[in-house]
Amino acid sequence: MAGVAAMTQAGWSTQRIALALYPLGAGAAAVNVFFLSLIFSWVGGPVVSTGLSILLGALIGAPATWYFARHIRHLMDVADGTDAR
């Protein structure tokens, strides 16, 4: 029941949501970087290695996950009727 009690009333903070979703965001960004390099290879560009794709995905995934977590927090506030906007 401790998990339920932690999520009542105020809910999770943006930071906690971002930390929980970061592995998914970084992984999605890494896959997209790799596929983008494959598309650029059609016009003569290099194909990015797996390691570089993971590194770039980790870098790109951080701000992307943060903004997505802010959006989720906003939706939670709207659902609770506590949205300040």
N, C-alpha and C. Protein backbone atom coordinates (compact mmCIF):
# COMPACT_ATOMS: atom_id res chain seq x y z
N MET A 1 0.80 -1.19 0.00
CA MET A 1 0.00 0.00 0.00
C MET A 1 0.85 1.27 0.00
N ALA A 2 2.12 1.16 0.29
CA ALA A 2 2.98 2.34 0.35
C ALA A 2 3.05 3.03 -1.01
N GLY A 3 3.07 2.27 -2.12
CA GLY A 3 3.12 2.86 -3.44
C GLY A 3 1.86 3.65 -3.76
N VAL A 4 0.73 3.17 -3.30
CA VAL A 4 -0.53 3.87 -3.54
C VAL A 4 -0.57 5.16 -2.73
N ALA A 5 -0.11 5.11 -1.49
CA ALA A 5 -0.12 6.30 -0.65
C ALA A 5 0.79 7.39 -1.20
N ALA A 6 1.90 7.01 -1.82
CA ALA A 6 2.83 7.99 -2.36
C ALA A 6 2.25 8.71 -3.58
N MET A 7 1.29 8.10 -4.25
CA MET A 7 0.75 8.67 -5.48
C MET A 7 -0.57 9.41 -5.25
N THR A 8 -1.10 9.41 -4.06
CA THR A 8 -2.36 10.09 -3.82
C THR A 8 -2.15 11.58 -3.66
N GLN A 9 -3.19 12.32 -3.83
CA GLN A 9 -3.26 13.76 -3.69
C GLN A 9 -2.32 14.47 -4.65
N ALA A 10 -1.06 14.71 -4.33
CA ALA A 10 -0.17 15.50 -5.18
C ALA A 10 0.38 14.70 -6.36
N GLY A 11 0.56 13.40 -6.22
CA GLY A 11 1.11 12.60 -7.30
C GLY A 11 2.62 12.71 -7.39
N TRP A 12 3.16 12.15 -8.43
CA TRP A 12 4.61 12.16 -8.64
C TRP A 12 5.06 13.52 -9.14
N SER A 13 6.28 13.89 -8.77
CA SER A 13 6.86 15.13 -9.27
C SER A 13 7.36 14.91 -10.70
N THR A 14 7.62 16.02 -11.38
CA THR A 14 8.15 15.94 -12.74
C THR A 14 9.49 15.20 -12.76
N GLN A 15 10.33 15.45 -11.75
CA GLN A 15 11.64 14.79 -11.69
C GLN A 15 11.48 13.28 -11.57
N ARG A 16 10.56 12.85 -10.73
CA ARG A 16 10.37 11.41 -10.53
C ARG A 16 9.82 10.74 -11.79
N ILE A 17 8.91 11.41 -12.46
CA ILE A 17 8.37 10.88 -13.72
C ILE A 17 9.48 10.79 -14.76
N ALA A 18 10.31 11.84 -14.85
CA ALA A 18 11.41 11.85 -15.82
C ALA A 18 12.41 10.73 -15.55
N LEU A 19 12.73 10.50 -14.29
CA LEU A 19 13.67 9.42 -13.95
C LEU A 19 13.09 8.06 -14.28
N ALA A 20 11.80 7.89 -14.08
CA ALA A 20 11.17 6.61 -14.38
C ALA A 20 11.11 6.36 -15.88
N LEU A 21 10.93 7.41 -16.67
CA LEU A 21 10.77 7.26 -18.12
C LEU A 21 12.07 7.41 -18.91
N TYR A 22 13.15 7.85 -18.26
CA TYR A 22 14.40 8.10 -18.99
C TYR A 22 14.92 6.89 -19.76
N PRO A 23 14.94 5.69 -19.20
CA PRO A 23 15.44 4.56 -20.01
C PRO A 23 14.65 4.35 -21.30
N LEU A 24 13.36 4.57 -21.26
CA LEU A 24 12.56 4.44 -22.47
C LEU A 24 12.84 5.57 -23.46
N GLY A 25 12.97 6.79 -22.94
CA GLY A 25 13.26 7.93 -23.81
C GLY A 25 14.62 7.83 -24.46
N ALA A 26 15.63 7.42 -23.69
CA ALA A 26 16.98 7.29 -24.25
C ALA A 26 17.03 6.16 -25.28
N GLY A 27 16.35 5.07 -25.00
CA GLY A 27 16.32 3.96 -25.96
C GLY A 27 15.62 4.34 -27.25
N ALA A 28 14.50 5.03 -27.14
CA ALA A 28 13.78 5.47 -28.34
C ALA A 28 14.63 6.46 -29.14
N ALA A 29 15.31 7.36 -28.46
CA ALA A 29 16.16 8.32 -29.16
C ALA A 29 17.32 7.61 -29.86
N ALA A 30 17.90 6.60 -29.22
CA ALA A 30 19.02 5.86 -29.84
C ALA A 30 18.56 5.14 -31.11
N VAL A 31 17.40 4.53 -31.05
CA VAL A 31 16.87 3.84 -32.24
C VAL A 31 16.61 4.85 -33.35
N ASN A 32 16.05 6.01 -33.01
CA ASN A 32 15.77 7.02 -34.02
C ASN A 32 17.05 7.59 -34.63
N VAL A 33 18.10 7.76 -33.82
CA VAL A 33 19.39 8.23 -34.35
C VAL A 33 19.94 7.22 -35.35
N PHE A 34 19.87 5.95 -35.00
CA PHE A 34 20.40 4.91 -35.88
C PHE A 34 19.61 4.86 -37.19
N PHE A 35 18.27 4.90 -37.10
CA PHE A 35 17.45 4.86 -38.31
C PHE A 35 17.66 6.11 -39.17
N LEU A 36 17.85 7.26 -38.53
CA LEU A 36 18.13 8.48 -39.28
C LEU A 36 19.44 8.35 -40.05
N SER A 37 20.45 7.72 -39.42
CA SER A 37 21.72 7.53 -40.13
C SER A 37 21.56 6.56 -41.31
N LEU A 38 20.65 5.58 -41.16
CA LEU A 38 20.39 4.69 -42.30
C LEU A 38 19.73 5.44 -43.45
N ILE A 39 18.82 6.34 -43.13
CA ILE A 39 18.18 7.13 -44.19
C ILE A 39 19.21 8.02 -44.87
N PHE A 40 20.10 8.65 -44.08
CA PHE A 40 21.14 9.50 -44.68
C PHE A 40 22.14 8.68 -45.49
N SER A 41 22.25 7.39 -45.21
CA SER A 41 23.17 6.57 -46.00
C SER A 41 22.69 6.41 -47.44
N TRP A 42 21.41 6.62 -47.68
CA TRP A 42 20.89 6.55 -49.05
C TRP A 42 21.45 7.65 -49.94
N VAL A 43 21.86 8.75 -49.32
CA VAL A 43 22.42 9.85 -50.09
C VAL A 43 23.93 9.98 -49.87
N GLY A 44 24.55 8.90 -49.37
CA GLY A 44 26.00 8.87 -49.24
C GLY A 44 26.54 9.16 -47.86
N GLY A 45 25.69 9.35 -46.87
CA GLY A 45 26.16 9.61 -45.52
C GLY A 45 26.63 8.34 -44.82
N PRO A 46 27.36 8.49 -43.72
CA PRO A 46 27.84 7.31 -43.00
C PRO A 46 26.74 6.73 -42.11
N VAL A 47 26.82 5.42 -41.87
CA VAL A 47 25.92 4.77 -40.92
C VAL A 47 26.57 4.85 -39.54
N VAL A 48 25.84 5.34 -38.57
CA VAL A 48 26.35 5.53 -37.22
C VAL A 48 26.47 4.17 -36.53
N SER A 49 27.54 3.97 -35.78
CA SER A 49 27.73 2.71 -35.06
C SER A 49 26.71 2.58 -33.93
N THR A 50 26.55 1.37 -33.44
CA THR A 50 25.61 1.12 -32.35
C THR A 50 25.99 1.89 -31.10
N GLY A 51 27.28 1.88 -30.77
CA GLY A 51 27.74 2.59 -29.58
C GLY A 51 27.50 4.08 -29.65
N LEU A 52 27.77 4.67 -30.81
CA LEU A 52 27.54 6.10 -30.97
C LEU A 52 26.04 6.42 -30.94
N SER A 53 25.23 5.52 -31.50
CA SER A 53 23.77 5.70 -31.44
C SER A 53 23.29 5.71 -30.00
N ILE A 54 23.82 4.81 -29.18
CA ILE A 54 23.42 4.75 -27.76
C ILE A 54 23.86 6.01 -27.04
N LEU A 55 25.08 6.47 -27.30
CA LEU A 55 25.57 7.69 -26.67
C LEU A 55 24.74 8.90 -27.06
N LEU A 56 24.47 9.06 -28.35
CA LEU A 56 23.66 10.18 -28.80
C LEU A 56 22.23 10.06 -28.28
N GLY A 57 21.72 8.83 -28.21
CA GLY A 57 20.38 8.62 -27.66
C GLY A 57 20.30 9.01 -26.20
N ALA A 58 21.36 8.73 -25.44
CA ALA A 58 21.39 9.11 -24.03
C ALA A 58 21.40 10.63 -23.88
N LEU A 59 22.10 11.31 -24.78
CA LEU A 59 22.16 12.77 -24.72
C LEU A 59 20.84 13.42 -25.18
N ILE A 60 20.32 12.94 -26.28
CA ILE A 60 19.08 13.50 -26.81
C ILE A 60 17.88 13.10 -25.95
N GLY A 61 17.94 11.91 -25.36
CA GLY A 61 16.83 11.40 -24.56
C GLY A 61 16.59 12.17 -23.28
N ALA A 62 17.61 12.80 -22.73
CA ALA A 62 17.44 13.53 -21.47
C ALA A 62 16.48 14.71 -21.60
N PRO A 63 16.72 15.66 -22.50
CA PRO A 63 15.75 16.76 -22.59
C PRO A 63 14.39 16.32 -23.13
N ALA A 64 14.39 15.35 -24.04
CA ALA A 64 13.11 14.87 -24.58
C ALA A 64 12.27 14.24 -23.48
N THR A 65 12.89 13.44 -22.62
CA THR A 65 12.16 12.82 -21.52
C THR A 65 11.70 13.86 -20.52
N TRP A 66 12.50 14.88 -20.25
CA TRP A 66 12.12 15.94 -19.32
C TRP A 66 10.85 16.65 -19.81
N TYR A 67 10.81 17.02 -21.10
CA TYR A 67 9.64 17.72 -21.62
C TYR A 67 8.42 16.81 -21.63
N PHE A 68 8.62 15.53 -21.92
CA PHE A 68 7.50 14.59 -21.88
C PHE A 68 6.99 14.43 -20.45
N ALA A 69 7.88 14.38 -19.48
CA ALA A 69 7.48 14.27 -18.07
C ALA A 69 6.71 15.51 -17.63
N ARG A 70 7.12 16.68 -18.09
CA ARG A 70 6.37 17.91 -17.78
C ARG A 70 4.97 17.84 -18.35
N HIS A 71 4.85 17.30 -19.56
CA HIS A 71 3.54 17.15 -20.19
C HIS A 71 2.66 16.18 -19.39
N ILE A 72 3.22 15.07 -18.98
CA ILE A 72 2.49 14.10 -18.17
C ILE A 72 2.06 14.73 -16.85
N ARG A 73 2.97 15.48 -16.19
CA ARG A 73 2.62 16.15 -14.93
C ARG A 73 1.48 17.15 -15.14
N HIS A 74 1.51 17.87 -16.27
CA HIS A 74 0.44 18.80 -16.59
C HIS A 74 -0.89 18.06 -16.76
N LEU A 75 -0.88 16.94 -17.47
CA LEU A 75 -2.10 16.16 -17.64
C LEU A 75 -2.62 15.65 -16.31
N MET A 76 -1.72 15.27 -15.41
CA MET A 76 -2.14 14.83 -14.07
C MET A 76 -2.79 15.98 -13.31
N ASP A 77 -2.22 17.18 -13.43
CA ASP A 77 -2.79 18.35 -12.76
C ASP A 77 -4.17 18.69 -13.31
N VAL A 78 -4.31 18.60 -14.63
CA VAL A 78 -5.61 18.88 -15.25
C VAL A 78 -6.64 17.87 -14.76
N ALA A 79 -6.25 16.60 -14.69
CA ALA A 79 -7.17 15.56 -14.23
C ALA A 79 -7.57 15.77 -12.78
N ASP A 80 -6.65 16.29 -11.96
CA ASP A 80 -6.95 16.56 -10.55
C ASP A 80 -7.68 17.88 -10.34
N GLY A 81 -7.72 18.72 -11.37
CA GLY A 81 -8.35 20.02 -11.24
C GLY A 81 -7.48 21.04 -10.55
N THR A 82 -6.17 20.81 -10.50
CA THR A 82 -5.25 21.72 -9.84
C THR A 82 -4.33 22.44 -10.81
N ASP A 83 -4.69 22.47 -12.09
CA ASP A 83 -3.85 23.10 -13.10
C ASP A 83 -3.84 24.61 -12.88
N ALA A 84 -2.64 25.20 -12.83
CA ALA A 84 -2.50 26.63 -12.57
C ALA A 84 -2.65 27.47 -13.84
N ARG A 85 -2.67 26.85 -15.01
CA ARG A 85 -2.75 27.61 -16.26
C ARG A 85 -4.14 28.10 -16.54
